[in-house]
Amino acid sequence: MEKHKKSQDIKISDLLKEDAICLDLKGDTKREVIYELVELLKSAKLNNTKEFLKAIIERENLGSTAIGNGIAIPHAKLKGLRRFILAFARKNKGMDFGALDGEKTYLFFILASPKETSGGHLKILAELARLTKDKLIVELLKKAVSKGEILRVLSSSLINKKAVSAKGRV
């Protein structure tokens, strides 16, 4: 029997924790970077990383999650997951991640969502896309020298004018 899930407001800055931030990805290939991103989710308490890695690779095979402006948002849903899990990473030299604009990708947000939700997953992705269209925010994330600074940028009043409304427990 599925438990009743009530709608809650979720802020991107509330989903992201310091231990799920990497300021210098080492991988040189898309696959290596995806593996590093999934490992970050492991530090944020994602237990089934093997299954999630498979889901992320399947999702990327459908089309790149690099949305342009130096940003990629790999994402997938996982059965049995009870909350949204978010990680952030930066590739300082940038890399080809298959962005539609043909430019290098520098900033990565990876999102794991409960399989049973759809509205919350889409709203979080939309909020991340909205935030990263702001060139000032992108530049601040590229230049941040600490994980704390990343969190401050993402929790600034410029970004969290409104919370993302999502279904699912957090």
C-alpha atoms as a PDB file:
ATOM      1  CA  MET A   1       0.000   0.000   0.000  1.00  0.00           C
ATOM      2  CA  GLU A   2       1.419   3.350  -1.047  1.00  0.00           C
ATOM      3  CA  LYS A   3       1.671   5.987   1.630  1.00  0.00           C
ATOM      4  CA  HIS A   4      -0.046   9.299   1.009  1.00  0.00           C
ATOM      5  CA  LYS A   5       2.475  11.854  -0.193  1.00  0.00           C
ATOM      6  CA  LYS A   6       1.645  15.449   0.488  1.00  0.00           C
ATOM      7  CA  SER A   7       2.803  18.389  -1.543  1.00  0.00           C
ATOM      8  CA  GLN A   8       5.714  20.252   0.004  1.00  0.00           C
ATOM      9  CA  ASP A   9       7.807  23.248  -0.908  1.00  0.00           C
ATOM     10  CA  ILE A  10      11.377  22.295  -1.709  1.00  0.00           C
ATOM     11  CA  LYS A  11      14.212  24.754  -2.175  1.00  0.00           C
ATOM     12  CA  ILE A  12      17.151  23.736  -4.325  1.00  0.00           C
ATOM     13  CA  SER A  13      19.443  24.986  -1.571  1.00  0.00           C
ATOM     14  CA  ASP A  14      17.691  22.656   0.915  1.00  0.00           C
ATOM     15  CA  LEU A  15      18.306  19.613  -1.293  1.00  0.00           C
ATOM     16  CA  LEU A  16      22.005  20.234  -1.798  1.00  0.00           C
ATOM     17  CA  LYS A  17      24.405  19.453   1.056  1.00  0.00           C
ATOM     18  CA  GLU A  18      28.103  20.267   1.293  1.00  0.00           C
ATOM     19  CA  ASP A  19      29.186  16.609   1.125  1.00  0.00           C
ATOM     20  CA  ALA A  20      27.414  16.326  -2.253  1.00  0.00           C
ATOM     21  CA  ILE A  21      29.504  19.059  -3.891  1.00  0.00           C
ATOM     22  CA  CYS A  22      32.689  18.567  -5.927  1.00  0.00           C
ATOM     23  CA  LEU A  23      34.637  21.598  -7.120  1.00  0.00           C
ATOM     24  CA  ASP A  24      36.926  19.784  -9.561  1.00  0.00           C
ATOM     25  CA  LEU A  25      35.701  16.738 -11.455  1.00  0.00           C
ATOM     26  CA  LYS A  26      38.591  14.579 -12.668  1.00  0.00           C
ATOM     27  CA  GLY A  27      36.936  12.545 -15.443  1.00  0.00           C
ATOM     28  CA  ASP A  28      37.702  13.333 -19.062  1.00  0.00           C
ATOM     29  CA  THR A  29      34.902  11.352 -20.690  1.00  0.00           C
ATOM     30  CA  LYS A  30      31.164  11.648 -20.296  1.00  0.00           C
ATOM     31  CA  ARG A  31      31.019   8.182 -18.729  1.00  0.00           C
ATOM     32  CA  GLU A  32      33.773   9.013 -16.190  1.00  0.00           C
ATOM     33  CA  VAL A  33      32.029  12.238 -15.188  1.00  0.00           C
ATOM     34  CA  ILE A  34      28.680  10.470 -14.798  1.00  0.00           C
ATOM     35  CA  TYR A  35      30.358   7.903 -12.549  1.00  0.00           C
ATOM     36  CA  GLU A  36      31.856  10.692 -10.390  1.00  0.00           C
ATOM     37  CA  LEU A  37      28.472  12.427 -10.163  1.00  0.00           C
ATOM     38  CA  VAL A  38      26.773   9.223  -9.019  1.00  0.00           C
ATOM     39  CA  GLU A  39      29.512   8.764  -6.412  1.00  0.00           C
ATOM     40  CA  LEU A  40      28.637  12.230  -5.087  1.00  0.00           C
ATOM     41  CA  LEU A  41      25.058  11.061  -4.628  1.00  0.00           C
ATOM     42  CA  LYS A  42      26.403   8.135  -2.638  1.00  0.00           C
ATOM     43  CA  SER A  43      27.868  10.597  -0.135  1.00  0.00           C
ATOM     44  CA  ALA A  44      24.392  12.174   0.019  1.00  0.00           C
ATOM     45  CA  LYS A  45      22.994   8.813   1.117  1.00  0.00           C
ATOM     46  CA  LEU A  46      21.917   7.295  -2.208  1.00  0.00           C
ATOM     47  CA  ASN A  47      22.137   3.604  -1.426  1.00  0.00           C
ATOM     48  CA  ASN A  48      21.556   1.898  -4.767  1.00  0.00           C
ATOM     49  CA  THR A  49      24.217   3.631  -6.847  1.00  0.00           C
ATOM     50  CA  LYS A  50      24.653   0.710  -9.252  1.00  0.00           C
ATOM     51  CA  GLU A  51      20.999   0.794 -10.306  1.00  0.00           C
ATOM     52  CA  PHE A  52      20.999   4.581 -10.439  1.00  0.00           C
ATOM     53  CA  LEU A  53      24.151   4.638 -12.598  1.00  0.00           C
ATOM     54  CA  LYS A  54      22.389   2.335 -15.044  1.00  0.00           C
ATOM     55  CA  ALA A  55      19.320   4.614 -15.070  1.00  0.00           C
ATOM     56  CA  ILE A  56      21.443   7.739 -15.655  1.00  0.00           C
ATOM     57  CA  ILE A  57      23.326   6.129 -18.550  1.00  0.00           C
ATOM     58  CA  GLU A  58      20.023   4.981 -20.096  1.00  0.00           C
ATOM     59  CA  ARG A  59      18.683   8.540 -19.749  1.00  0.00           C
ATOM     60  CA  GLU A  60      21.798  10.051 -21.367  1.00  0.00           C
ATOM     61  CA  ASN A  61      21.488   7.580 -24.246  1.00  0.00           C
ATOM     62  CA  LEU A  62      18.078   9.124 -25.004  1.00  0.00           C
ATOM     63  CA  GLY A  63      19.686  12.546 -25.373  1.00  0.00           C
ATOM     64  CA  SER A  64      22.206  14.683 -23.585  1.00  0.00           C
ATOM     65  CA  THR A  65      21.114  16.435 -20.410  1.00  0.00           C
ATOM     66  CA  ALA A  66      23.537  19.276 -21.184  1.00  0.00           C
ATOM     67  CA  ILE A  67      21.149  22.209 -21.574  1.00  0.00           C
ATOM     68  CA  GLY A  68      23.661  24.767 -22.813  1.00  0.00           C
ATOM     69  CA  ASN A  69      25.176  27.808 -21.120  1.00  0.00           C
ATOM     70  CA  GLY A  70      27.828  25.446 -19.655  1.00  0.00           C
ATOM     71  CA  ILE A  71      25.237  23.446 -17.649  1.00  0.00           C
ATOM     72  CA  ALA A  72      24.181  19.787 -17.540  1.00  0.00           C
ATOM     73  CA  ILE A  73      21.464  18.304 -15.363  1.00  0.00           C
ATOM     74  CA  PRO A  74      21.694  14.505 -15.509  1.00  0.00           C
ATOM     75  CA  HIS A  75      18.641  13.026 -13.817  1.00  0.00           C
ATOM     76  CA  ALA A  76      16.748   9.794 -13.344  1.00  0.00           C
ATOM     77  CA  LYS A  77      14.118   8.200 -11.154  1.00  0.00           C
ATOM     78  CA  LEU A  78      14.780   5.241  -8.915  1.00  0.00           C
ATOM     79  CA  LYS A  79      12.289   2.753  -7.552  1.00  0.00           C
ATOM     80  CA  GLY A  80      12.266   2.620  -3.771  1.00  0.00           C
ATOM     81  CA  LEU A  81      13.878   6.028  -3.316  1.00  0.00           C
ATOM     82  CA  ARG A  82      11.986   7.968  -0.650  1.00  0.00           C
ATOM     83  CA  ARG A  83      13.298  11.502  -1.212  1.00  0.00           C
ATOM     84  CA  PHE A  84      14.921  13.735  -3.793  1.00  0.00           C
ATOM     85  CA  ILE A  85      18.728  13.746  -3.754  1.00  0.00           C
ATOM     86  CA  LEU A  86      20.782  16.431  -5.481  1.00  0.00           C
ATOM     87  CA  ALA A  87      24.509  16.886  -6.044  1.00  0.00           C
ATOM     88  CA  PHE A  88      26.563  19.597  -7.746  1.00  0.00           C
ATOM     89  CA  ALA A  89      29.956  19.371  -9.437  1.00  0.00           C
ATOM     90  CA  ARG A  90      32.202  21.529 -11.532  1.00  0.00           C
ATOM     91  CA  LYS A  91      34.641  20.617 -14.303  1.00  0.00           C
ATOM     92  CA  ASN A  92      36.970  23.620 -14.287  1.00  0.00           C
ATOM     93  CA  LYS A  93      38.333  23.112 -17.807  1.00  0.00           C
ATOM     94  CA  GLY A  94      34.934  22.165 -19.161  1.00  0.00           C
ATOM     95  CA  MET A  95      34.205  19.215 -21.412  1.00  0.00           C
ATOM     96  CA  ASP A  96      32.068  18.087 -24.299  1.00  0.00           C
ATOM     97  CA  PHE A  97      28.900  16.677 -22.721  1.00  0.00           C
ATOM     98  CA  GLY A  98      26.806  16.881 -25.889  1.00  0.00           C
ATOM     99  CA  ALA A  99      25.245  20.295 -25.239  1.00  0.00           C
ATOM    100  CA  LEU A 100      22.791  21.556 -27.833  1.00  0.00           C
ATOM    101  CA  ASP A 101      24.734  24.801 -28.172  1.00  0.00           C
ATOM    102  CA  GLY A 102      27.941  22.849 -28.903  1.00  0.00           C
ATOM    103  CA  GLU A 103      29.762  24.593 -26.046  1.00  0.00           C
ATOM    104  CA  LYS A 104      31.729  22.972 -23.225  1.00  0.00           C
ATOM    105  CA  THR A 105      29.933  21.996 -20.025  1.00  0.00           C
ATOM    106  CA  TYR A 106      31.380  23.220 -16.728  1.00  0.00           C
ATOM    107  CA  LEU A 107      28.610  22.866 -14.141  1.00  0.00           C
ATOM    108  CA  PHE A 108      26.676  19.694 -13.331  1.00  0.00           C
ATOM    109  CA  PHE A 109      23.628  19.141 -11.167  1.00  0.00           C
ATOM    110  CA  ILE A 110      22.599  15.493 -10.797  1.00  0.00           C
ATOM    111  CA  LEU A 111      19.141  14.648  -9.496  1.00  0.00           C
ATOM    112  CA  ALA A 112      17.827  11.346  -8.155  1.00  0.00           C
ATOM    113  CA  SER A 113      14.058  11.260  -7.718  1.00  0.00           C
ATOM    114  CA  PRO A 114      11.583   8.721  -6.389  1.00  0.00           C
ATOM    115  CA  LYS A 115      10.138   6.661  -9.266  1.00  0.00           C
ATOM    116  CA  GLU A 116       6.638   7.255  -7.938  1.00  0.00           C
ATOM    117  CA  THR A 117       6.776  11.030  -8.428  1.00  0.00           C
ATOM    118  CA  SER A 118       6.590  13.027 -11.600  1.00  0.00           C
ATOM    119  CA  GLY A 119       5.461  16.530 -10.729  1.00  0.00           C
ATOM    120  CA  GLY A 120       8.211  17.107  -8.165  1.00  0.00           C
ATOM    121  CA  HIS A 121      10.901  15.740 -10.460  1.00  0.00           C
ATOM    122  CA  LEU A 122       9.853  18.022 -13.310  1.00  0.00           C
ATOM    123  CA  LYS A 123       9.489  21.064 -11.061  1.00  0.00           C
ATOM    124  CA  ILE A 124      12.980  20.634  -9.627  1.00  0.00           C
ATOM    125  CA  LEU A 125      14.451  20.234 -13.129  1.00  0.00           C
ATOM    126  CA  ALA A 126      12.581  23.333 -14.286  1.00  0.00           C
ATOM    127  CA  GLU A 127      13.832  25.328 -11.302  1.00  0.00           C
ATOM    128  CA  LEU A 128      17.433  24.241 -11.942  1.00  0.00           C
ATOM    129  CA  ALA A 129      17.082  25.219 -15.605  1.00  0.00           C
ATOM    130  CA  ARG A 130      15.591  28.590 -14.619  1.00  0.00           C
ATOM    131  CA  LEU A 131      18.363  29.312 -12.120  1.00  0.00           C
ATOM    132  CA  THR A 132      21.142  28.422 -14.513  1.00  0.00           C
ATOM    133  CA  LYS A 133      19.817  30.702 -17.248  1.00  0.00           C
ATOM    134  CA  ASP A 134      21.012  33.569 -15.059  1.00  0.00           C
ATOM    135  CA  LYS A 135      24.530  34.379 -16.292  1.00  0.00           C
ATOM    136  CA  LEU A 136      25.507  35.966 -12.968  1.00  0.00           C
ATOM    137  CA  ILE A 137      24.626  32.794 -11.054  1.00  0.00           C
ATOM    138  CA  VAL A 138      26.544  30.669 -13.572  1.00  0.00           C
ATOM    139  CA  GLU A 139      29.621  32.883 -13.229  1.00  0.00           C
ATOM    140  CA  LEU A 140      29.424  32.835  -9.429  1.00  0.00           C
ATOM    141  CA  LEU A 141      29.196  29.021  -9.461  1.00  0.00           C
ATOM    142  CA  LYS A 142      32.180  28.807 -11.835  1.00  0.00           C
ATOM    143  CA  LYS A 143      34.315  31.100  -9.663  1.00  0.00           C
ATOM    144  CA  ALA A 144      33.329  29.842  -6.189  1.00  0.00           C
ATOM    145  CA  VAL A 145      36.380  28.760  -4.197  1.00  0.00           C
ATOM    146  CA  SER A 146      34.601  26.651  -1.578  1.00  0.00           C
ATOM    147  CA  LYS A 147      31.639  24.349  -1.136  1.00  0.00           C
ATOM    148  CA  GLY A 148      30.209  26.847   1.324  1.00  0.00           C
ATOM    149  CA  GLU A 149      30.337  29.542  -1.334  1.00  0.00           C
ATOM    150  CA  ILE A 150      28.419  27.275  -3.749  1.00  0.00           C
ATOM    151  CA  LEU A 151      25.740  26.810  -1.096  1.00  0.00           C
ATOM    152  CA  ARG A 152      25.604  30.566  -0.436  1.00  0.00           C
ATOM    153  CA  VAL A 153      25.142  31.308  -4.141  1.00  0.00           C
ATOM    154  CA  LEU A 154      22.349  28.756  -4.412  1.00  0.00           C
ATOM    155  CA  SER A 155      20.603  29.963  -1.261  1.00  0.00           C
ATOM    156  CA  SER A 156      20.845  33.668  -2.084  1.00  0.00           C
ATOM    157  CA  SER A 157      17.679  35.712  -2.219  1.00  0.00           C
ATOM    158  CA  LEU A 158      18.189  36.082  -5.985  1.00  0.00           C
ATOM    159  CA  ILE A 159      17.665  32.368  -6.387  1.00  0.00           C
ATOM    160  CA  ASN A 160      15.145  31.375  -3.763  1.00  0.00           C
ATOM    161  CA  LYS A 161      12.465  33.926  -4.477  1.00  0.00           C
ATOM    162  CA  LYS A 162      10.068  31.023  -4.527  1.00  0.00           C
ATOM    163  CA  ALA A 163      10.322  27.418  -3.468  1.00  0.00           C
ATOM    164  CA  VAL A 164       9.749  24.557  -5.810  1.00  0.00           C
ATOM    165  CA  SER A 165       6.523  22.832  -4.987  1.00  0.00           C
ATOM    166  CA  ALA A 166       7.001  19.093  -5.259  1.00  0.00           C
ATOM    167  CA  LYS A 167       5.231  15.923  -4.334  1.00  0.00           C
ATOM    168  CA  GLY A 168       7.178  13.403  -2.311  1.00  0.00           C
ATOM    169  CA  ARG A 169       8.806  13.278   1.080  1.00  0.00           C
ATOM    170  CA  VAL A 170      11.969  15.199   1.712  1.00  0.00           C
END
